[in-house]
C-alpha cells in the first residue's frame, strides 16, 4: 500500500462520514415535519456505505494487477427511506394535519437515536482525520530524512 493510497482511503472516509452527518442533521431538522411538498409526513433517511469499486470477478483480477494505482476506501451506495420503523401517531385533534379521528402522523425520527448516530459519525470522522494527519506526518518525516 502506497502513501497516497492511505490519503485516498482516509479522504473517502471523511467524505462519507460528512455526508452521513448531513443526512442525520436533515432527519433531526425534520423530526416534527408532518407534511412535505407531497402532503406526506417526513420519513427518516438512512445512509449505506460499501467498499469503493465494484467487485465482479473480472475487476478483482484486474485490480490485483493495478493495485498500486487503484484507490480504495468507502463510498455511499444508497440513501434510502427507513420504512421498517413505525411512524409516530399522536392524538392531537387541534393540529391542522390531524386525520378525521384526531390523530397526527409524525415522522419516524427518534432524536436519541439520531444523536447517537451523529456522535458515531463524528467519532468516525475524527478517526479518519487523525489517520490522515498521521500519514501526512509520515510523509513529511520521509521528505526531511532525504536532506
N, C-alpha and C. Protein backbone atom coordinates (compact mmCIF):
# COMPACT_ATOMS: atom_id res chain seq x y z
N UNK A 1 0.84 -1.17 0.00
CA UNK A 1 0.00 0.00 0.00
C UNK A 1 0.88 1.23 0.00
N UNK A 2 0.64 2.12 -0.94
CA UNK A 2 1.42 3.33 -1.05
C UNK A 2 0.92 4.41 -0.11
N UNK A 3 1.73 5.44 -0.02
CA UNK A 3 1.41 6.55 0.86
C UNK A 3 0.13 7.26 0.41
N UNK A 4 0.02 7.50 -0.88
CA UNK A 4 -1.14 8.24 -1.36
C UNK A 4 -2.42 7.40 -1.29
N UNK A 5 -2.29 6.09 -1.26
CA UNK A 5 -3.46 5.23 -1.08
C UNK A 5 -4.09 5.50 0.28
N UNK A 6 -3.26 5.69 1.29
CA UNK A 6 -3.82 5.98 2.63
C UNK A 6 -4.54 7.32 2.63
N UNK A 7 -4.02 8.29 1.86
CA UNK A 7 -4.74 9.57 1.74
C UNK A 7 -6.10 9.36 1.09
N UNK A 8 -6.14 8.52 0.04
CA UNK A 8 -7.40 8.25 -0.65
C UNK A 8 -8.41 7.57 0.29
N UNK A 9 -7.95 6.60 1.04
CA UNK A 9 -8.82 5.86 1.95
C UNK A 9 -9.37 6.79 3.03
N UNK A 10 -8.49 7.56 3.65
CA UNK A 10 -8.93 8.48 4.70
C UNK A 10 -9.82 9.59 4.14
N UNK A 11 -9.49 10.08 2.97
CA UNK A 11 -10.32 11.11 2.35
C UNK A 11 -11.71 10.62 2.02
N UNK A 12 -11.82 9.40 1.54
CA UNK A 12 -13.14 8.85 1.23
C UNK A 12 -13.94 8.63 2.52
N UNK A 13 -13.26 8.23 3.59
CA UNK A 13 -13.93 8.07 4.88
C UNK A 13 -14.43 9.40 5.42
N UNK A 14 -13.61 10.45 5.27
CA UNK A 14 -14.04 11.78 5.70
C UNK A 14 -15.27 12.24 4.93
N UNK A 15 -15.24 12.04 3.62
CA UNK A 15 -16.36 12.46 2.78
C UNK A 15 -17.63 11.68 3.12
N UNK A 16 -17.50 10.37 3.29
CA UNK A 16 -18.67 9.53 3.58
C UNK A 16 -19.28 9.89 4.94
N UNK A 17 -18.45 10.08 5.96
CA UNK A 17 -18.98 10.41 7.28
C UNK A 17 -19.58 11.81 7.31
N UNK A 18 -19.00 12.73 6.55
CA UNK A 18 -19.58 14.07 6.46
C UNK A 18 -20.98 14.00 5.82
N UNK A 19 -21.11 13.20 4.78
CA UNK A 19 -22.40 13.03 4.12
C UNK A 19 -23.40 12.40 5.09
N UNK A 20 -22.94 11.41 5.86
CA UNK A 20 -23.81 10.76 6.85
C UNK A 20 -24.29 11.77 7.89
N UNK A 21 -23.38 12.65 8.34
CA UNK A 21 -23.77 13.68 9.30
C UNK A 21 -24.79 14.64 8.70
N UNK A 22 -24.66 14.95 7.42
CA UNK A 22 -25.64 15.81 6.75
C UNK A 22 -27.03 15.17 6.74
N UNK A 23 -27.09 13.88 6.44
CA UNK A 23 -28.38 13.17 6.41
C UNK A 23 -28.98 13.08 7.82
N UNK A 24 -28.14 12.82 8.82
CA UNK A 24 -28.62 12.78 10.20
C UNK A 24 -29.16 14.15 10.61
N UNK A 25 -28.47 15.21 10.22
CA UNK A 25 -28.94 16.56 10.52
C UNK A 25 -30.27 16.85 9.85
N UNK A 26 -30.43 16.36 8.63
CA UNK A 26 -31.72 16.51 7.93
C UNK A 26 -32.83 15.79 8.69
N UNK A 27 -32.52 14.59 9.19
CA UNK A 27 -33.51 13.84 9.97
C UNK A 27 -33.92 14.61 11.22
N UNK A 28 -32.94 15.15 11.93
CA UNK A 28 -33.23 15.90 13.16
C UNK A 28 -34.04 17.16 12.84
N UNK A 29 -33.66 17.84 11.77
CA UNK A 29 -34.36 19.07 11.41
C UNK A 29 -35.82 18.81 11.04
N UNK A 30 -36.11 17.63 10.51
CA UNK A 30 -37.47 17.30 10.08
C UNK A 30 -38.20 16.38 11.06
N UNK A 31 -37.75 16.32 12.30
CA UNK A 31 -38.35 15.42 13.29
C UNK A 31 -39.81 15.72 13.54
N UNK A 32 -40.25 16.94 13.30
CA UNK A 32 -41.65 17.31 13.54
C UNK A 32 -42.37 17.73 12.27
N UNK A 33 -41.83 17.38 11.11
CA UNK A 33 -42.43 17.75 9.84
C UNK A 33 -43.55 16.76 9.51
N UNK A 34 -44.77 17.23 9.62
CA UNK A 34 -45.91 16.37 9.38
C UNK A 34 -46.41 16.42 7.94
N UNK A 35 -45.87 17.36 7.17
CA UNK A 35 -46.32 17.46 5.78
C UNK A 35 -45.17 18.00 4.92
N UNK A 36 -44.77 17.22 3.91
CA UNK A 36 -43.77 17.69 2.95
C UNK A 36 -44.48 18.26 1.73
N UNK A 37 -43.74 18.48 0.66
CA UNK A 37 -44.35 19.06 -0.54
C UNK A 37 -45.41 18.17 -1.16
N UNK A 38 -45.36 16.87 -0.88
CA UNK A 38 -46.37 15.93 -1.39
C UNK A 38 -47.54 15.75 -0.43
N UNK A 39 -47.46 16.37 0.75
CA UNK A 39 -48.52 16.24 1.73
C UNK A 39 -48.35 15.08 2.69
N UNK A 40 -47.25 14.36 2.59
CA UNK A 40 -46.98 13.22 3.47
C UNK A 40 -46.02 13.63 4.58
N UNK A 41 -46.02 12.90 5.70
CA UNK A 41 -45.03 13.20 6.74
C UNK A 41 -43.64 12.81 6.27
N UNK A 42 -42.64 13.50 6.83
CA UNK A 42 -41.24 13.19 6.52
C UNK A 42 -40.92 11.77 6.96
N UNK A 43 -40.11 11.07 6.19
CA UNK A 43 -39.67 9.72 6.54
C UNK A 43 -38.16 9.76 6.75
N UNK A 44 -37.72 9.18 7.85
CA UNK A 44 -36.31 9.14 8.21
C UNK A 44 -35.48 8.54 7.09
N UNK A 45 -34.28 9.10 6.87
CA UNK A 45 -33.38 8.59 5.84
C UNK A 45 -32.19 7.89 6.50
N UNK A 46 -31.69 6.85 5.82
CA UNK A 46 -30.57 6.06 6.31
C UNK A 46 -29.52 5.96 5.20
N UNK A 47 -28.25 6.13 5.56
CA UNK A 47 -27.15 6.07 4.61
C UNK A 47 -26.51 4.69 4.69
N UNK A 48 -26.17 4.13 3.54
CA UNK A 48 -25.48 2.84 3.49
C UNK A 48 -24.14 3.03 2.78
N UNK A 49 -23.08 2.45 3.35
CA UNK A 49 -21.74 2.51 2.78
C UNK A 49 -21.35 1.17 2.20
N UNK A 50 -20.38 1.21 1.30
CA UNK A 50 -19.78 -0.01 0.76
C UNK A 50 -18.33 0.30 0.40
N UNK A 51 -17.57 -0.76 0.21
CA UNK A 51 -16.19 -0.60 -0.21
C UNK A 51 -16.16 -0.01 -1.62
N UNK A 52 -15.20 0.89 -1.86
CA UNK A 52 -15.10 1.50 -3.17
C UNK A 52 -14.77 0.47 -4.23
N UNK A 53 -15.33 0.64 -5.40
CA UNK A 53 -15.04 -0.24 -6.53
C UNK A 53 -15.95 -1.43 -6.57
N UNK A 54 -16.45 -1.72 -7.74
CA UNK A 54 -17.26 -2.92 -7.90
C UNK A 54 -16.35 -4.13 -7.86
N UNK A 55 -16.83 -5.19 -7.27
CA UNK A 55 -16.02 -6.38 -7.12
C UNK A 55 -16.61 -7.55 -7.91
N UNK A 56 -16.66 -7.41 -9.21
CA UNK A 56 -17.02 -8.54 -10.06
C UNK A 56 -15.78 -9.40 -10.21
N UNK A 57 -15.91 -10.64 -10.65
CA UNK A 57 -14.72 -11.48 -10.81
C UNK A 57 -13.66 -10.83 -11.71
N UNK A 58 -14.09 -10.18 -12.77
CA UNK A 58 -13.12 -9.54 -13.66
C UNK A 58 -12.38 -8.40 -12.95
N UNK A 59 -13.13 -7.55 -12.23
CA UNK A 59 -12.47 -6.41 -11.58
C UNK A 59 -11.55 -6.84 -10.45
N UNK A 60 -11.86 -7.97 -9.81
CA UNK A 60 -10.96 -8.47 -8.78
C UNK A 60 -9.60 -8.81 -9.38
N UNK A 61 -9.62 -9.50 -10.50
CA UNK A 61 -8.36 -9.87 -11.16
C UNK A 61 -7.67 -8.63 -11.71
N UNK A 62 -8.44 -7.78 -12.35
CA UNK A 62 -7.89 -6.57 -12.94
C UNK A 62 -7.27 -5.67 -11.87
N UNK A 63 -7.96 -5.50 -10.73
CA UNK A 63 -7.45 -4.64 -9.66
C UNK A 63 -6.21 -5.21 -8.99
N UNK A 64 -6.05 -6.54 -8.99
CA UNK A 64 -4.82 -7.11 -8.44
C UNK A 64 -3.61 -6.65 -9.25
N UNK A 65 -3.80 -6.54 -10.56
CA UNK A 65 -2.71 -6.09 -11.42
C UNK A 65 -2.46 -4.59 -11.27
N UNK A 66 -3.52 -3.84 -11.03
CA UNK A 66 -3.40 -2.39 -10.92
C UNK A 66 -3.51 -1.90 -9.48
N UNK A 67 -3.27 -2.79 -8.53
CA UNK A 67 -3.49 -2.47 -7.13
C UNK A 67 -2.72 -1.24 -6.68
N UNK A 68 -1.54 -1.05 -7.19
CA UNK A 68 -0.75 0.10 -6.76
C UNK A 68 -1.33 1.42 -7.25
N UNK A 69 -2.18 1.37 -8.26
CA UNK A 69 -2.76 2.59 -8.80
C UNK A 69 -4.22 2.80 -8.43
N UNK A 70 -4.88 1.76 -7.99
CA UNK A 70 -6.31 1.89 -7.71
C UNK A 70 -6.54 2.42 -6.30
N UNK A 71 -7.51 3.33 -6.19
CA UNK A 71 -7.85 3.88 -4.89
C UNK A 71 -8.77 2.94 -4.14
N UNK A 72 -8.63 2.93 -2.86
CA UNK A 72 -9.50 2.11 -2.03
C UNK A 72 -10.27 3.05 -1.12
N UNK A 73 -11.11 2.53 -0.32
CA UNK A 73 -11.84 3.36 0.62
C UNK A 73 -13.29 2.97 0.69
N UNK A 74 -14.12 3.94 0.98
CA UNK A 74 -15.53 3.72 1.19
C UNK A 74 -16.32 4.69 0.31
N UNK A 75 -17.53 4.27 -0.05
CA UNK A 75 -18.41 5.14 -0.83
C UNK A 75 -19.82 5.00 -0.30
N UNK A 76 -20.62 6.01 -0.55
CA UNK A 76 -22.03 5.96 -0.20
C UNK A 76 -22.74 5.22 -1.32
N UNK A 77 -23.43 4.14 -0.97
CA UNK A 77 -24.14 3.39 -2.01
C UNK A 77 -25.59 3.81 -2.12
N UNK A 78 -26.25 4.02 -0.98
CA UNK A 78 -27.66 4.41 -1.04
C UNK A 78 -28.00 5.36 0.10
N UNK A 79 -28.98 6.16 -0.16
CA UNK A 79 -29.68 6.92 0.87
C UNK A 79 -31.14 6.51 0.70
N UNK A 80 -31.62 5.71 1.64
CA UNK A 80 -32.97 5.17 1.50
C UNK A 80 -33.83 5.64 2.65
N UNK A 81 -35.13 5.57 2.42
CA UNK A 81 -36.07 5.90 3.48
C UNK A 81 -36.24 4.70 4.41
N UNK A 82 -36.31 4.97 5.69
CA UNK A 82 -36.47 3.92 6.70
C UNK A 82 -37.95 3.54 6.77
N UNK A 83 -38.28 2.47 6.09
CA UNK A 83 -39.68 2.01 6.09
C UNK A 83 -39.94 0.95 7.15
N UNK A 84 -38.89 0.48 7.83
CA UNK A 84 -39.06 -0.54 8.87
C UNK A 84 -39.56 0.05 10.19
N UNK A 85 -39.14 1.27 10.49
CA UNK A 85 -39.52 1.92 11.74
C UNK A 85 -40.91 2.53 11.59
N UNK A 86 -41.74 2.31 12.61
CA UNK A 86 -43.11 2.82 12.57
C UNK A 86 -43.13 4.35 12.71
N UNK A 87 -44.09 4.96 12.04
CA UNK A 87 -44.30 6.39 12.19
C UNK A 87 -44.92 6.64 13.57
N UNK A 88 -44.74 7.83 14.10
CA UNK A 88 -45.29 8.18 15.41
C UNK A 88 -46.70 8.75 15.22
N UNK A 89 -47.66 8.10 15.84
CA UNK A 89 -49.05 8.53 15.76
C UNK A 89 -49.41 9.19 17.10
N UNK A 90 -49.82 10.46 17.04
CA UNK A 90 -50.12 11.22 18.24
C UNK A 90 -51.54 11.78 18.13
N UNK A 91 -52.29 11.68 19.22
CA UNK A 91 -53.64 12.24 19.24
C UNK A 91 -53.56 13.73 19.51
N UNK A 92 -53.94 14.53 18.52
CA UNK A 92 -53.95 15.98 18.63
C UNK A 92 -54.99 16.53 17.66
N UNK A 93 -56.25 16.53 18.06
CA UNK A 93 -57.30 16.94 17.12
C UNK A 93 -57.21 18.40 16.69
N UNK A 94 -56.47 19.23 17.41
CA UNK A 94 -56.35 20.64 17.04
C UNK A 94 -55.27 20.89 15.98
N UNK A 95 -54.47 19.88 15.69
CA UNK A 95 -53.38 20.02 14.71
C UNK A 95 -53.98 20.11 13.30
N UNK A 96 -53.45 20.98 12.45
CA UNK A 96 -54.01 21.10 11.09
C UNK A 96 -53.86 19.85 10.23
N UNK A 97 -52.92 18.97 10.56
CA UNK A 97 -52.71 17.75 9.79
C UNK A 97 -53.37 16.53 10.42
N UNK A 98 -54.24 16.74 11.41
CA UNK A 98 -54.91 15.62 12.06
C UNK A 98 -55.90 14.98 11.09
N UNK A 99 -56.02 13.64 11.20
CA UNK A 99 -57.00 12.95 10.36
C UNK A 99 -58.39 13.10 10.97
N UNK A 100 -59.37 12.43 10.40
CA UNK A 100 -60.75 12.59 10.87
C UNK A 100 -60.95 12.08 12.31
N UNK A 101 -60.05 11.21 12.79
CA UNK A 101 -60.14 10.72 14.17
C UNK A 101 -59.33 11.56 15.15
N UNK A 102 -58.62 12.58 14.65
CA UNK A 102 -57.84 13.47 15.51
C UNK A 102 -56.39 13.04 15.70
N UNK A 103 -55.92 12.07 14.93
CA UNK A 103 -54.54 11.59 15.06
C UNK A 103 -53.64 12.25 14.02
N UNK A 104 -52.42 12.59 14.45
CA UNK A 104 -51.43 13.20 13.56
C UNK A 104 -50.29 12.20 13.39
N UNK A 105 -49.87 12.02 12.15
CA UNK A 105 -48.74 11.13 11.87
C UNK A 105 -47.46 11.96 11.83
N UNK A 106 -46.59 11.71 12.80
CA UNK A 106 -45.30 12.39 12.87
C UNK A 106 -44.22 11.48 12.27
N UNK A 107 -43.09 12.04 11.86
CA UNK A 107 -42.02 11.23 11.28
C UNK A 107 -41.50 10.17 12.24
N UNK A 108 -40.88 9.16 11.66
CA UNK A 108 -40.31 8.06 12.44
C UNK A 108 -38.89 8.38 12.89
N UNK A 109 -38.66 9.62 13.27
CA UNK A 109 -37.35 10.09 13.71
C UNK A 109 -37.31 10.08 15.23
N UNK A 110 -36.35 9.36 15.79
CA UNK A 110 -36.12 9.33 17.23
C UNK A 110 -34.87 10.18 17.48
N UNK A 111 -35.02 11.27 18.20
CA UNK A 111 -33.92 12.20 18.41
C UNK A 111 -32.74 11.53 19.13
N UNK A 112 -33.02 10.66 20.08
CA UNK A 112 -31.94 9.97 20.81
C UNK A 112 -31.14 9.09 19.86
N UNK A 113 -31.83 8.35 19.01
CA UNK A 113 -31.14 7.51 18.02
C UNK A 113 -30.32 8.36 17.06
N UNK A 114 -30.90 9.45 16.61
CA UNK A 114 -30.19 10.32 15.66
C UNK A 114 -28.96 10.95 16.31
N UNK A 115 -29.07 11.36 17.56
CA UNK A 115 -27.91 11.96 18.24
C UNK A 115 -26.83 10.91 18.48
N UNK A 116 -27.23 9.69 18.78
CA UNK A 116 -26.26 8.60 18.94
C UNK A 116 -25.54 8.35 17.61
N UNK A 117 -26.29 8.31 16.52
CA UNK A 117 -25.69 8.13 15.20
C UNK A 117 -24.79 9.30 14.83
N UNK A 118 -25.18 10.50 15.24
CA UNK A 118 -24.37 11.69 14.96
C UNK A 118 -23.04 11.63 15.70
N UNK A 119 -23.07 11.20 16.95
CA UNK A 119 -21.83 11.05 17.73
C UNK A 119 -20.95 9.99 17.09
N UNK A 120 -21.55 8.88 16.66
CA UNK A 120 -20.81 7.81 15.99
C UNK A 120 -20.15 8.32 14.71
N UNK A 121 -20.90 9.06 13.91
CA UNK A 121 -20.34 9.60 12.66
C UNK A 121 -19.25 10.62 12.94
N UNK A 122 -19.43 11.45 13.95
CA UNK A 122 -18.42 12.44 14.30
C UNK A 122 -17.14 11.76 14.78
N UNK A 123 -17.28 10.69 15.56
CA UNK A 123 -16.09 9.95 16.02
C UNK A 123 -15.37 9.27 14.86
N UNK A 124 -16.13 8.71 13.93
CA UNK A 124 -15.52 8.10 12.75
C UNK A 124 -14.83 9.15 11.89
N UNK A 125 -15.43 10.32 11.77
CA UNK A 125 -14.82 11.42 11.02
C UNK A 125 -13.50 11.81 11.69
N UNK A 126 -13.52 11.95 13.01
CA UNK A 126 -12.31 12.33 13.74
C UNK A 126 -11.23 11.26 13.61
N UNK A 127 -11.60 9.99 13.62
CA UNK A 127 -10.62 8.92 13.45
C UNK A 127 -9.97 8.99 12.07
N UNK A 128 -10.77 9.26 11.04
CA UNK A 128 -10.21 9.41 9.69
C UNK A 128 -9.30 10.62 9.59
N UNK A 129 -9.68 11.72 10.25
CA UNK A 129 -8.84 12.92 10.24
C UNK A 129 -7.52 12.66 10.95
N UNK A 130 -7.56 11.94 12.06
CA UNK A 130 -6.34 11.61 12.79
C UNK A 130 -5.42 10.71 11.95
N UNK A 131 -6.00 9.72 11.29
CA UNK A 131 -5.20 8.83 10.44
C UNK A 131 -4.62 9.60 9.26
N UNK A 132 -5.39 10.53 8.70
CA UNK A 132 -4.90 11.35 7.58
C UNK A 132 -3.71 12.19 8.04
N UNK A 133 -3.83 12.82 9.21
CA UNK A 133 -2.73 13.63 9.74
C UNK A 133 -1.51 12.79 10.05
N UNK A 134 -1.71 11.58 10.54
CA UNK A 134 -0.57 10.69 10.81
C UNK A 134 0.15 10.33 9.50
N UNK A 135 -0.61 10.05 8.45
CA UNK A 135 0.00 9.75 7.15
C UNK A 135 0.75 10.96 6.62
N UNK A 136 0.19 12.13 6.83
CA UNK A 136 0.84 13.36 6.38
C UNK A 136 2.16 13.58 7.13
N UNK A 137 2.16 13.33 8.44
CA UNK A 137 3.38 13.48 9.22
C UNK A 137 4.44 12.48 8.79
N UNK A 138 4.03 11.26 8.47
CA UNK A 138 4.98 10.25 7.99
C UNK A 138 5.61 10.70 6.68
N UNK A 139 4.79 11.25 5.80
CA UNK A 139 5.31 11.74 4.51
C UNK A 139 6.27 12.89 4.73
N UNK A 140 5.95 13.80 5.64
CA UNK A 140 6.83 14.93 5.91
C UNK A 140 8.15 14.47 6.52
N UNK A 141 8.09 13.48 7.40
CA UNK A 141 9.32 12.96 8.00
C UNK A 141 10.19 12.27 6.94
N UNK A 142 9.54 11.56 6.03
CA UNK A 142 10.29 10.93 4.94
C UNK A 142 10.97 11.95 4.05
N UNK A 143 10.33 13.05 3.81
CA UNK A 143 10.94 14.10 2.98
C UNK A 143 12.11 14.77 3.70
N UNK A 144 12.01 14.96 5.00
CA UNK A 144 13.10 15.62 5.74
C UNK A 144 14.28 14.67 5.93
N UNK A 145 14.06 13.37 5.90
CA UNK A 145 15.17 12.41 6.04
C UNK A 145 16.08 12.45 4.81
N UNK A 146 15.54 12.83 3.69
CA UNK A 146 16.32 12.86 2.47
C UNK A 146 17.26 14.04 2.35
N UNK A 147 17.24 14.94 3.31
CA UNK A 147 18.11 16.14 3.24
C UNK A 147 19.53 15.81 3.54
